[in-house]
């Protein structure tokens, strides 16, 4: 069961991967949304190693500070932007 869920998770990640700069069609967006409708339940029971791989492919990092009981989540889509701050000057 976990193997099937892992394969599904990878397929869902692949659905979201397109050619950079290429706009998705209405049908592609619909397919992606329908495939992800129960992603929370899939992730809850997926193998932790597969989840880590999927998050890395999506550019998502998650850190838990057990002393403060705080979860920090960062999303940095691959190739979406350069590092830096607004107003740094040229």
PDB file of N, CA and C in Angstrom:
ATOM      1  N   UNK A   1       0.829  -1.198   0.000  1.00  0.00           N
ATOM      2  CA  UNK A   1       0.000   0.000   0.000  1.00  0.00           C
ATOM      3  C   UNK A   1       0.871   1.258   0.000  1.00  0.00           C
ATOM      4  N   UNK A   2       1.901   1.287   0.862  1.00  0.00           N
ATOM      5  CA  UNK A   2       2.778   2.464   0.932  1.00  0.00           C
ATOM      6  C   UNK A   2       3.499   2.679  -0.393  1.00  0.00           C
ATOM      7  N   UNK A   3       3.853   1.577  -1.076  1.00  0.00           N
ATOM      8  CA  UNK A   3       4.545   1.702  -2.360  1.00  0.00           C
ATOM      9  C   UNK A   3       3.633   2.351  -3.409  1.00  0.00           C
ATOM     10  N   UNK A   4       2.374   1.949  -3.424  1.00  0.00           N
ATOM     11  CA  UNK A   4       1.410   2.526  -4.359  1.00  0.00           C
ATOM     12  C   UNK A   4       1.206   4.002  -4.057  1.00  0.00           C
ATOM     13  N   UNK A   5       1.113   4.346  -2.770  1.00  0.00           N
ATOM     14  CA  UNK A   5       0.937   5.746  -2.393  1.00  0.00           C
ATOM     15  C   UNK A   5       2.158   6.561  -2.784  1.00  0.00           C
ATOM     16  N   UNK A   6       3.342   5.972  -2.645  1.00  0.00           N
ATOM     17  CA  UNK A   6       4.559   6.659  -3.053  1.00  0.00           C
ATOM     18  C   UNK A   6       4.586   6.914  -4.547  1.00  0.00           C
ATOM     19  N   UNK A   7       4.175   5.904  -5.325  1.00  0.00           N
ATOM     20  CA  UNK A   7       4.116   6.063  -6.773  1.00  0.00           C
ATOM     21  C   UNK A   7       3.105   7.147  -7.149  1.00  0.00           C
ATOM     22  N   UNK A   8       1.989   7.172  -6.440  1.00  0.00           N
ATOM     23  CA  UNK A   8       0.968   8.183  -6.714  1.00  0.00           C
ATOM     24  C   UNK A   8       1.505   9.576  -6.401  1.00  0.00           C
ATOM     25  N   UNK A   9       2.212   9.689  -5.273  1.00  0.00           N
ATOM     26  CA  UNK A   9       2.782  10.969  -4.883  1.00  0.00           C
ATOM     27  C   UNK A   9       3.748  11.473  -5.952  1.00  0.00           C
ATOM     28  N   UNK A  10       4.602  10.577  -6.455  1.00  0.00           N
ATOM     29  CA  UNK A  10       5.538  10.976  -7.515  1.00  0.00           C
ATOM     30  C   UNK A  10       4.786  11.376  -8.783  1.00  0.00           C
ATOM     31  N   UNK A  11       3.729  10.654  -9.113  1.00  0.00           N
ATOM     32  CA  UNK A  11       2.943  10.987 -10.300  1.00  0.00           C
ATOM     33  C   UNK A  11       2.300  12.361 -10.154  1.00  0.00           C
ATOM     34  N   UNK A  12       1.828  12.668  -8.948  1.00  0.00           N
ATOM     35  CA  UNK A  12       1.210  13.966  -8.715  1.00  0.00           C
ATOM     36  C   UNK A  12       2.236  15.088  -8.835  1.00  0.00           C
ATOM     37  N   UNK A  13       3.439  14.845  -8.350  1.00  0.00           N
ATOM     38  CA  UNK A  13       4.509  15.838  -8.493  1.00  0.00           C
ATOM     39  C   UNK A  13       4.827  16.028  -9.970  1.00  0.00           C
ATOM     40  N   UNK A  14       4.902  14.916 -10.713  1.00  0.00           N
ATOM     41  CA  UNK A  14       5.192  14.990 -12.149  1.00  0.00           C
ATOM     42  C   UNK A  14       4.115  15.754 -12.903  1.00  0.00           C
ATOM     43  N   UNK A  15       2.862  15.609 -12.478  1.00  0.00           N
ATOM     44  CA  UNK A  15       1.776  16.341 -13.136  1.00  0.00           C
ATOM     45  C   UNK A  15       1.999  17.849 -13.064  1.00  0.00           C
ATOM     46  N   UNK A  16       2.577  18.287 -11.957  1.00  0.00           N
ATOM     47  CA  UNK A  16       2.812  19.714 -11.777  1.00  0.00           C
ATOM     48  C   UNK A  16       4.061  20.211 -12.473  1.00  0.00           C
ATOM     49  N   UNK A  17       4.882  19.290 -12.957  1.00  0.00           N
ATOM     50  CA  UNK A  17       6.129  19.680 -13.617  1.00  0.00           C
ATOM     51  C   UNK A  17       5.876  19.900 -15.096  1.00  0.00           C
ATOM     52  N   UNK A  18       6.122  21.085 -15.543  1.00  0.00           N
ATOM     53  CA  UNK A  18       5.954  21.398 -16.963  1.00  0.00           C
ATOM     54  C   UNK A  18       7.186  22.091 -17.470  1.00  0.00           C
ATOM     55  N   UNK A  19       7.109  22.548 -18.657  1.00  0.00           N
ATOM     56  CA  UNK A  19       8.212  23.296 -19.229  1.00  0.00           C
ATOM     57  C   UNK A  19       8.199  24.682 -18.596  1.00  0.00           C
ATOM     58  N   UNK A  20       9.335  25.135 -18.011  1.00  0.00           N
ATOM     59  CA  UNK A  20       9.363  26.449 -17.377  1.00  0.00           C
ATOM     60  C   UNK A  20       8.898  27.537 -18.339  1.00  0.00           C
ATOM     61  N   UNK A  21       8.038  28.406 -17.859  1.00  0.00           N
ATOM     62  CA  UNK A  21       7.547  29.502 -18.667  1.00  0.00           C
ATOM     63  C   UNK A  21       6.360  29.134 -19.542  1.00  0.00           C
ATOM     64  N   UNK A  22       6.077  27.846 -19.651  1.00  0.00           N
ATOM     65  CA  UNK A  22       4.947  27.411 -20.470  1.00  0.00           C
ATOM     66  C   UNK A  22       3.684  27.447 -19.627  1.00  0.00           C
ATOM     67  N   UNK A  23       2.657  28.087 -20.122  1.00  0.00           N
ATOM     68  CA  UNK A  23       1.414  28.203 -19.376  1.00  0.00           C
ATOM     69  C   UNK A  23       0.621  26.909 -19.498  1.00  0.00           C
ATOM     70  N   UNK A  24       0.055  26.474 -18.354  1.00  0.00           N
ATOM     71  CA  UNK A  24      -0.746  25.258 -18.352  1.00  0.00           C
ATOM     72  C   UNK A  24      -2.096  25.527 -19.011  1.00  0.00           C
ATOM     73  N   UNK A  25      -2.613  24.501 -19.657  1.00  0.00           N
ATOM     74  CA  UNK A  25      -3.930  24.611 -20.258  1.00  0.00           C
ATOM     75  C   UNK A  25      -4.993  24.431 -19.173  1.00  0.00           C
ATOM     76  N   UNK A  26      -6.208  24.791 -19.497  1.00  0.00           N
ATOM     77  CA  UNK A  26      -7.320  24.630 -18.560  1.00  0.00           C
ATOM     78  C   UNK A  26      -7.461  23.157 -18.169  1.00  0.00           C
ATOM     79  N   UNK A  27      -7.316  22.263 -19.115  1.00  0.00           N
ATOM     80  CA  UNK A  27      -7.443  20.831 -18.841  1.00  0.00           C
ATOM     81  C   UNK A  27      -6.310  20.329 -17.952  1.00  0.00           C
ATOM     82  N   UNK A  28      -5.084  20.825 -18.147  1.00  0.00           N
ATOM     83  CA  UNK A  28      -3.962  20.427 -17.297  1.00  0.00           C
ATOM     84  C   UNK A  28      -4.187  20.874 -15.859  1.00  0.00           C
ATOM     85  N   UNK A  29      -4.686  22.094 -15.682  1.00  0.00           N
ATOM     86  CA  UNK A  29      -4.975  22.598 -14.333  1.00  0.00           C
ATOM     87  C   UNK A  29      -6.062  21.746 -13.700  1.00  0.00           C
ATOM     88  N   UNK A  30      -7.113  21.441 -14.444  1.00  0.00           N
ATOM     89  CA  UNK A  30      -8.219  20.617 -13.931  1.00  0.00           C
ATOM     90  C   UNK A  30      -7.706  19.238 -13.507  1.00  0.00           C
ATOM     91  N   UNK A  31      -6.881  18.618 -14.338  1.00  0.00           N
ATOM     92  CA  UNK A  31      -6.327  17.296 -14.033  1.00  0.00           C
ATOM     93  C   UNK A  31      -5.481  17.338 -12.768  1.00  0.00           C
ATOM     94  N   UNK A  32      -4.655  18.367 -12.645  1.00  0.00           N
ATOM     95  CA  UNK A  32      -3.807  18.514 -11.471  1.00  0.00           C
ATOM     96  C   UNK A  32      -4.635  18.686 -10.206  1.00  0.00           C
ATOM     97  N   UNK A  33      -5.622  19.548 -10.245  1.00  0.00           N
ATOM     98  CA  UNK A  33      -6.471  19.792  -9.066  1.00  0.00           C
ATOM     99  C   UNK A  33      -7.219  18.522  -8.672  1.00  0.00           C
ATOM    100  N   UNK A  34      -7.768  17.813  -9.639  1.00  0.00           N
ATOM    101  CA  UNK A  34      -8.488  16.577  -9.333  1.00  0.00           C
ATOM    102  C   UNK A  34      -7.566  15.509  -8.751  1.00  0.00           C
ATOM    103  N   UNK A  35      -6.331  15.453  -9.239  1.00  0.00           N
ATOM    104  CA  UNK A  35      -5.378  14.468  -8.730  1.00  0.00           C
ATOM    105  C   UNK A  35      -4.942  14.787  -7.305  1.00  0.00           C
ATOM    106  N   UNK A  36      -4.974  16.059  -6.940  1.00  0.00           N
ATOM    107  CA  UNK A  36      -4.492  16.475  -5.623  1.00  0.00           C
ATOM    108  C   UNK A  36      -5.595  16.607  -4.580  1.00  0.00           C
ATOM    109  N   UNK A  37      -6.824  16.276  -4.919  1.00  0.00           N
ATOM    110  CA  UNK A  37      -7.937  16.539  -4.007  1.00  0.00           C
ATOM    111  C   UNK A  37      -7.784  15.888  -2.639  1.00  0.00           C
ATOM    112  N   UNK A  38      -7.118  14.748  -2.550  1.00  0.00           N
ATOM    113  CA  UNK A  38      -6.947  14.108  -1.247  1.00  0.00           C
ATOM    114  C   UNK A  38      -5.469  13.970  -0.874  1.00  0.00           C
ATOM    115  N   UNK A  39      -4.663  14.940  -1.300  1.00  0.00           N
ATOM    116  CA  UNK A  39      -3.218  14.877  -1.073  1.00  0.00           C
ATOM    117  C   UNK A  39      -2.855  14.820   0.410  1.00  0.00           C
ATOM    118  N   UNK A  40      -3.623  15.477   1.265  1.00  0.00           N
ATOM    119  CA  UNK A  40      -3.309  15.466   2.699  1.00  0.00           C
ATOM    120  C   UNK A  40      -3.367  14.049   3.255  1.00  0.00           C
ATOM    121  N   UNK A  41      -4.369  13.273   2.872  1.00  0.00           N
ATOM    122  CA  UNK A  41      -4.463  11.897   3.371  1.00  0.00           C
ATOM    123  C   UNK A  41      -3.364  11.023   2.774  1.00  0.00           C
ATOM    124  N   UNK A  42      -2.998  11.274   1.521  1.00  0.00           N
ATOM    125  CA  UNK A  42      -1.914  10.515   0.900  1.00  0.00           C
ATOM    126  C   UNK A  42      -0.596  10.807   1.612  1.00  0.00           C
ATOM    127  N   UNK A  43      -0.331  12.082   1.864  1.00  0.00           N
ATOM    128  CA  UNK A  43       0.913  12.462   2.540  1.00  0.00           C
ATOM    129  C   UNK A  43       0.966  11.951   3.977  1.00  0.00           C
ATOM    130  N   UNK A  44      -0.174  11.931   4.646  1.00  0.00           N
ATOM    131  CA  UNK A  44      -0.207  11.487   6.041  1.00  0.00           C
ATOM    132  C   UNK A  44       0.242  10.035   6.186  1.00  0.00           C
ATOM    133  N   UNK A  45      -0.018   9.219   5.183  1.00  0.00           N
ATOM    134  CA  UNK A  45       0.317   7.798   5.289  1.00  0.00           C
ATOM    135  C   UNK A  45       1.486   7.381   4.406  1.00  0.00           C
ATOM    136  N   UNK A  46       2.063   8.326   3.674  1.00  0.00           N
ATOM    137  CA  UNK A  46       3.169   8.002   2.765  1.00  0.00           C
ATOM    138  C   UNK A  46       4.459   7.745   3.530  1.00  0.00           C
ATOM    139  N   UNK A  47       5.345   7.002   2.913  1.00  0.00           N
ATOM    140  CA  UNK A  47       6.660   6.716   3.471  1.00  0.00           C
ATOM    141  C   UNK A  47       7.420   8.033   3.656  1.00  0.00           C
ATOM    142  N   UNK A  48       7.994   8.272   4.841  1.00  0.00           N
ATOM    143  CA  UNK A  48       8.703   9.540   5.099  1.00  0.00           C
ATOM    144  C   UNK A  48       9.811   9.844   4.090  1.00  0.00           C
ATOM    145  N   UNK A  49      10.504   8.826   3.624  1.00  0.00           N
ATOM    146  CA  UNK A  49      11.578   9.036   2.651  1.00  0.00           C
ATOM    147  C   UNK A  49      11.001   9.538   1.324  1.00  0.00           C
ATOM    148  N   UNK A  50       9.867   8.955   0.900  1.00  0.00           N
ATOM    149  CA  UNK A  50       9.225   9.395  -0.335  1.00  0.00           C
ATOM    150  C   UNK A  50       8.685  10.810  -0.197  1.00  0.00           C
ATOM    151  N   UNK A  51       8.153  11.133   0.997  1.00  0.00           N
ATOM    152  CA  UNK A  51       7.658  12.499   1.223  1.00  0.00           C
ATOM    153  C   UNK A  51       8.799  13.494   1.113  1.00  0.00           C
ATOM    154  N   UNK A  52       9.933  13.163   1.716  1.00  0.00           N
ATOM    155  CA  UNK A  52      11.083  14.066   1.670  1.00  0.00           C
ATOM    156  C   UNK A  52      11.524  14.307   0.225  1.00  0.00           C
ATOM    157  N   UNK A  53      11.529  13.243  -0.583  1.00  0.00           N
ATOM    158  CA  UNK A  53      11.904  13.381  -1.991  1.00  0.00           C
ATOM    159  C   UNK A  53      10.907  14.270  -2.739  1.00  0.00           C
ATOM    160  N   UNK A  54       9.625  14.043  -2.485  1.00  0.00           N
ATOM    161  CA  UNK A  54       8.595  14.836  -3.165  1.00  0.00           C
ATOM    162  C   UNK A  54       8.689  16.307  -2.770  1.00  0.00           C
ATOM    163  N   UNK A  55       8.863  16.573  -1.470  1.00  0.00           N
ATOM    164  CA  UNK A  55       8.990  17.953  -1.011  1.00  0.00           C
ATOM    165  C   UNK A  55      10.210  18.618  -1.639  1.00  0.00           C
ATOM    166  N   UNK A  56      11.325  17.888  -1.716  1.00  0.00           N
ATOM    167  CA  UNK A  56      12.546  18.444  -2.311  1.00  0.00           C
ATOM    168  C   UNK A  56      12.315  18.777  -3.783  1.00  0.00           C
ATOM    169  N   UNK A  57      11.622  17.888  -4.503  1.00  0.00           N
ATOM    170  CA  UNK A  57      11.331  18.140  -5.913  1.00  0.00           C
ATOM    171  C   UNK A  57      10.445  19.366  -6.091  1.00  0.00           C
ATOM    172  N   UNK A  58       9.574  19.614  -5.117  1.00  0.00           N
ATOM    173  CA  UNK A  58       8.683  20.768  -5.174  1.00  0.00           C
ATOM    174  C   UNK A  58       9.338  22.043  -4.669  1.00  0.00           C
ATOM    175  N   UNK A  59      10.542  21.925  -4.075  1.00  0.00           N
ATOM    176  CA  UNK A  59      11.223  23.087  -3.524  1.00  0.00           C
ATOM    177  C   UNK A  59      10.691  23.481  -2.159  1.00  0.00           C
ATOM    178  N   UNK A  60      10.131  22.511  -1.429  1.00  0.00           N
ATOM    179  CA  UNK A  60       9.567  22.772  -0.103  1.00  0.00           C
ATOM    180  C   UNK A  60      10.495  22.201   0.956  1.00  0.00           C
ATOM    181  N   UNK A  61      10.798  23.016   1.961  1.00  0.00           N
ATOM    182  CA  UNK A  61      11.585  22.518   3.095  1.00  0.00           C
ATOM    183  C   UNK A  61      10.780  22.748   4.372  1.00  0.00           C
ATOM    184  N   UNK A  62      10.856  21.777   5.273  1.00  0.00           N
ATOM    185  CA  UNK A  62      10.103  21.822   6.520  1.00  0.00           C
ATOM    186  C   UNK A  62      11.063  21.546   7.665  1.00  0.00           C
ATOM    187  N   UNK A  63      11.029  22.401   8.680  1.00  0.00           N
ATOM    188  CA  UNK A  63      11.883  22.214   9.869  1.00  0.00           C
ATOM    189  C   UNK A  63      11.023  22.348  11.117  1.00  0.00           C
ATOM    190  N   UNK A  64      11.272  21.468  12.084  1.00  0.00           N
ATOM    191  CA  UNK A  64      10.519  21.506  13.339  1.00  0.00           C
ATOM    192  C   UNK A  64      11.460  21.811  14.486  1.00  0.00           C
ATOM    193  N   UNK A  65      11.165  22.856  15.245  1.00  0.00           N
ATOM    194  CA  UNK A  65      11.920  23.219  16.441  1.00  0.00           C
ATOM    195  C   UNK A  65      11.165  22.633  17.633  1.00  0.00           C
ATOM    196  N   UNK A  66      11.660  21.515  18.155  1.00  0.00           N
ATOM    197  CA  UNK A  66      10.920  20.813  19.213  1.00  0.00           C
ATOM    198  C   UNK A  66      10.880  21.590  20.522  1.00  0.00           C
ATOM    199  N   UNK A  67      11.871  22.426  20.774  1.00  0.00           N
ATOM    200  CA  UNK A  67      11.858  23.207  22.019  1.00  0.00           C
ATOM    201  C   UNK A  67      10.764  24.269  21.985  1.00  0.00           C
ATOM    202  N   UNK A  68      10.633  24.952  20.862  1.00  0.00           N
ATOM    203  CA  UNK A  68       9.612  26.005  20.725  1.00  0.00           C
ATOM    204  C   UNK A  68       8.295  25.457  20.194  1.00  0.00           C
ATOM    205  N   UNK A  69       8.320  24.194  19.716  1.00  0.00           N
ATOM    206  CA  UNK A  69       7.140  23.549  19.115  1.00  0.00           C
ATOM    207  C   UNK A  69       6.613  24.368  17.942  1.00  0.00           C
ATOM    208  N   UNK A  70       7.560  24.729  17.050  1.00  0.00           N
ATOM    209  CA  UNK A  70       7.252  25.557  15.893  1.00  0.00           C
ATOM    210  C   UNK A  70       7.706  24.836  14.625  1.00  0.00           C
ATOM    211  N   UNK A  71       6.846  24.852  13.629  1.00  0.00           N
ATOM    212  CA  UNK A  71       7.185  24.295  12.324  1.00  0.00           C
ATOM    213  C   UNK A  71       7.415  25.453  11.355  1.00  0.00           C
ATOM    214  N   UNK A  72       8.538  25.409  10.647  1.00  0.00           N
ATOM    215  CA  UNK A  72       8.847  26.420   9.644  1.00  0.00           C
ATOM    216  C   UNK A  72       8.818  25.752   8.277  1.00  0.00           C
ATOM    217  N   UNK A  73       8.036  26.311   7.381  1.00  0.00           N
ATOM    218  CA  UNK A  73       7.910  25.769   6.032  1.00  0.00           C
ATOM    219  C   UNK A  73       8.333  26.843   5.039  1.00  0.00           C
ATOM    220  N   UNK A  74       9.209  26.466   4.109  1.00  0.00           N
ATOM    221  CA  UNK A  74       9.636  27.377   3.046  1.00  0.00           C
ATOM    222  C   UNK A  74       9.356  26.727   1.710  1.00  0.00           C
ATOM    223  N   UNK A  75       8.868  27.513   0.778  1.00  0.00           N
ATOM    224  CA  UNK A  75       8.626  27.036  -0.583  1.00  0.00           C
ATOM    225  C   UNK A  75       9.448  27.873  -1.536  1.00  0.00           C
ATOM    226  N   UNK A  76      10.324  27.216  -2.251  1.00  0.00           N
ATOM    227  CA  UNK A  76      11.166  27.888  -3.238  1.00  0.00           C
ATOM    228  C   UNK A  76      11.117  27.079  -4.526  1.00  0.00           C
ATOM    229  N   UNK A  77      10.127  27.367  -5.368  1.00  0.00           N
ATOM    230  CA  UNK A  77      10.013  26.621  -6.626  1.00  0.00           C
ATOM    231  C   UNK A  77      11.302  26.680  -7.423  1.00  0.00           C
ATOM    232  N   UNK A  78      11.674  25.553  -7.986  1.00  0.00           N
ATOM    233  CA  UNK A  78      12.913  25.466  -8.762  1.00  0.00           C
ATOM    234  C   UNK A  78      12.906  26.437  -9.923  1.00  0.00           C
ATOM    235  N   UNK A  79      13.958  27.241 -10.027  1.00  0.00           N
ATOM    236  CA  UNK A  79      14.137  28.126 -11.165  1.00  0.00           C
ATOM    237  C   UNK A  79      13.140  29.263 -11.269  1.00  0.00           C
ATOM    238  N   UNK A  80      12.338  29.480 -10.232  1.00  0.00           N
ATOM    239  CA  UNK A  80      11.295  30.502 -10.330  1.00  0.00           C
ATOM    240  C   UNK A  80      11.837  31.912 -10.154  1.00  0.00           C
ATOM    241  N   UNK A  81      12.875  32.059  -9.343  1.00  0.00           N
ATOM    242  CA  UNK A  81      13.386  33.407  -9.121  1.00  0.00           C
ATOM    243  C   UNK A  81      14.820  33.341  -8.636  1.00  0.00           C
ATOM    244  N   UNK A  82      15.469  34.483  -8.664  1.00  0.00           N
ATOM    245  CA  UNK A  82      16.840  34.587  -8.182  1.00  0.00           C
ATOM    246  C   UNK A  82      16.825  34.934  -6.700  1.00  0.00           C
ATOM    247  N   UNK A  83      17.924  34.610  -6.036  1.00  0.00           N
ATOM    248  CA  UNK A  83      18.049  34.985  -4.622  1.00  0.00           C
ATOM    249  C   UNK A  83      18.361  36.459  -4.513  1.00  0.00           C
ATOM    250  N   UNK A  84      17.855  37.085  -3.477  1.00  0.00           N
ATOM    251  CA  UNK A  84      18.113  38.504  -3.270  1.00  0.00           C
ATOM    252  C   UNK A  84      16.928  39.158  -2.623  1.00  0.00           C
ATOM    253  N   UNK A  85      17.078  40.440  -2.325  1.00  0.00           N
ATOM    254  CA  UNK A  85      15.991  41.184  -1.694  1.00  0.00           C
ATOM    255  C   UNK A  85      15.578  42.335  -2.593  1.00  0.00           C
ATOM    256  N   UNK A  86      14.356  42.724  -2.452  1.00  0.00           N
ATOM    257  CA  UNK A  86      13.861  43.872  -3.190  1.00  0.00           C
ATOM    258  C   UNK A  86      14.521  45.119  -2.634  1.00  0.00           C
ATOM    259  N   UNK A  87      14.971  45.996  -3.472  1.00  0.00           N
ATOM    260  CA  UNK A  87      15.564  47.258  -3.019  1.00  0.00           C
ATOM    261  C   UNK A  87      17.035  47.189  -2.692  1.00  0.00           C
ATOM    262  N   UNK A  88      17.722  46.105  -3.096  1.00  0.00           N
ATOM    263  CA  UNK A  88      19.148  45.987  -2.805  1.00  0.00           C
ATOM    264  C   UNK A  88      19.979  46.959  -3.620  1.00  0.00           C
ATOM    265  N   UNK A  89      19.427  47.484  -4.657  1.00  0.00           N
ATOM    266  CA  UNK A  89      20.203  48.381  -5.516  1.00  0.00           C
ATOM    267  C   UNK A  89      20.886  47.618  -6.618  1.00  0.00           C
ATOM    268  N   UNK A  90      21.480  48.369  -7.554  1.00  0.00           N
ATOM    269  CA  UNK A  90      22.141  47.713  -8.689  1.00  0.00           C
ATOM    270  C   UNK A  90      23.600  48.031  -8.733  1.00  0.00           C
TER     271      UNK A  90
END
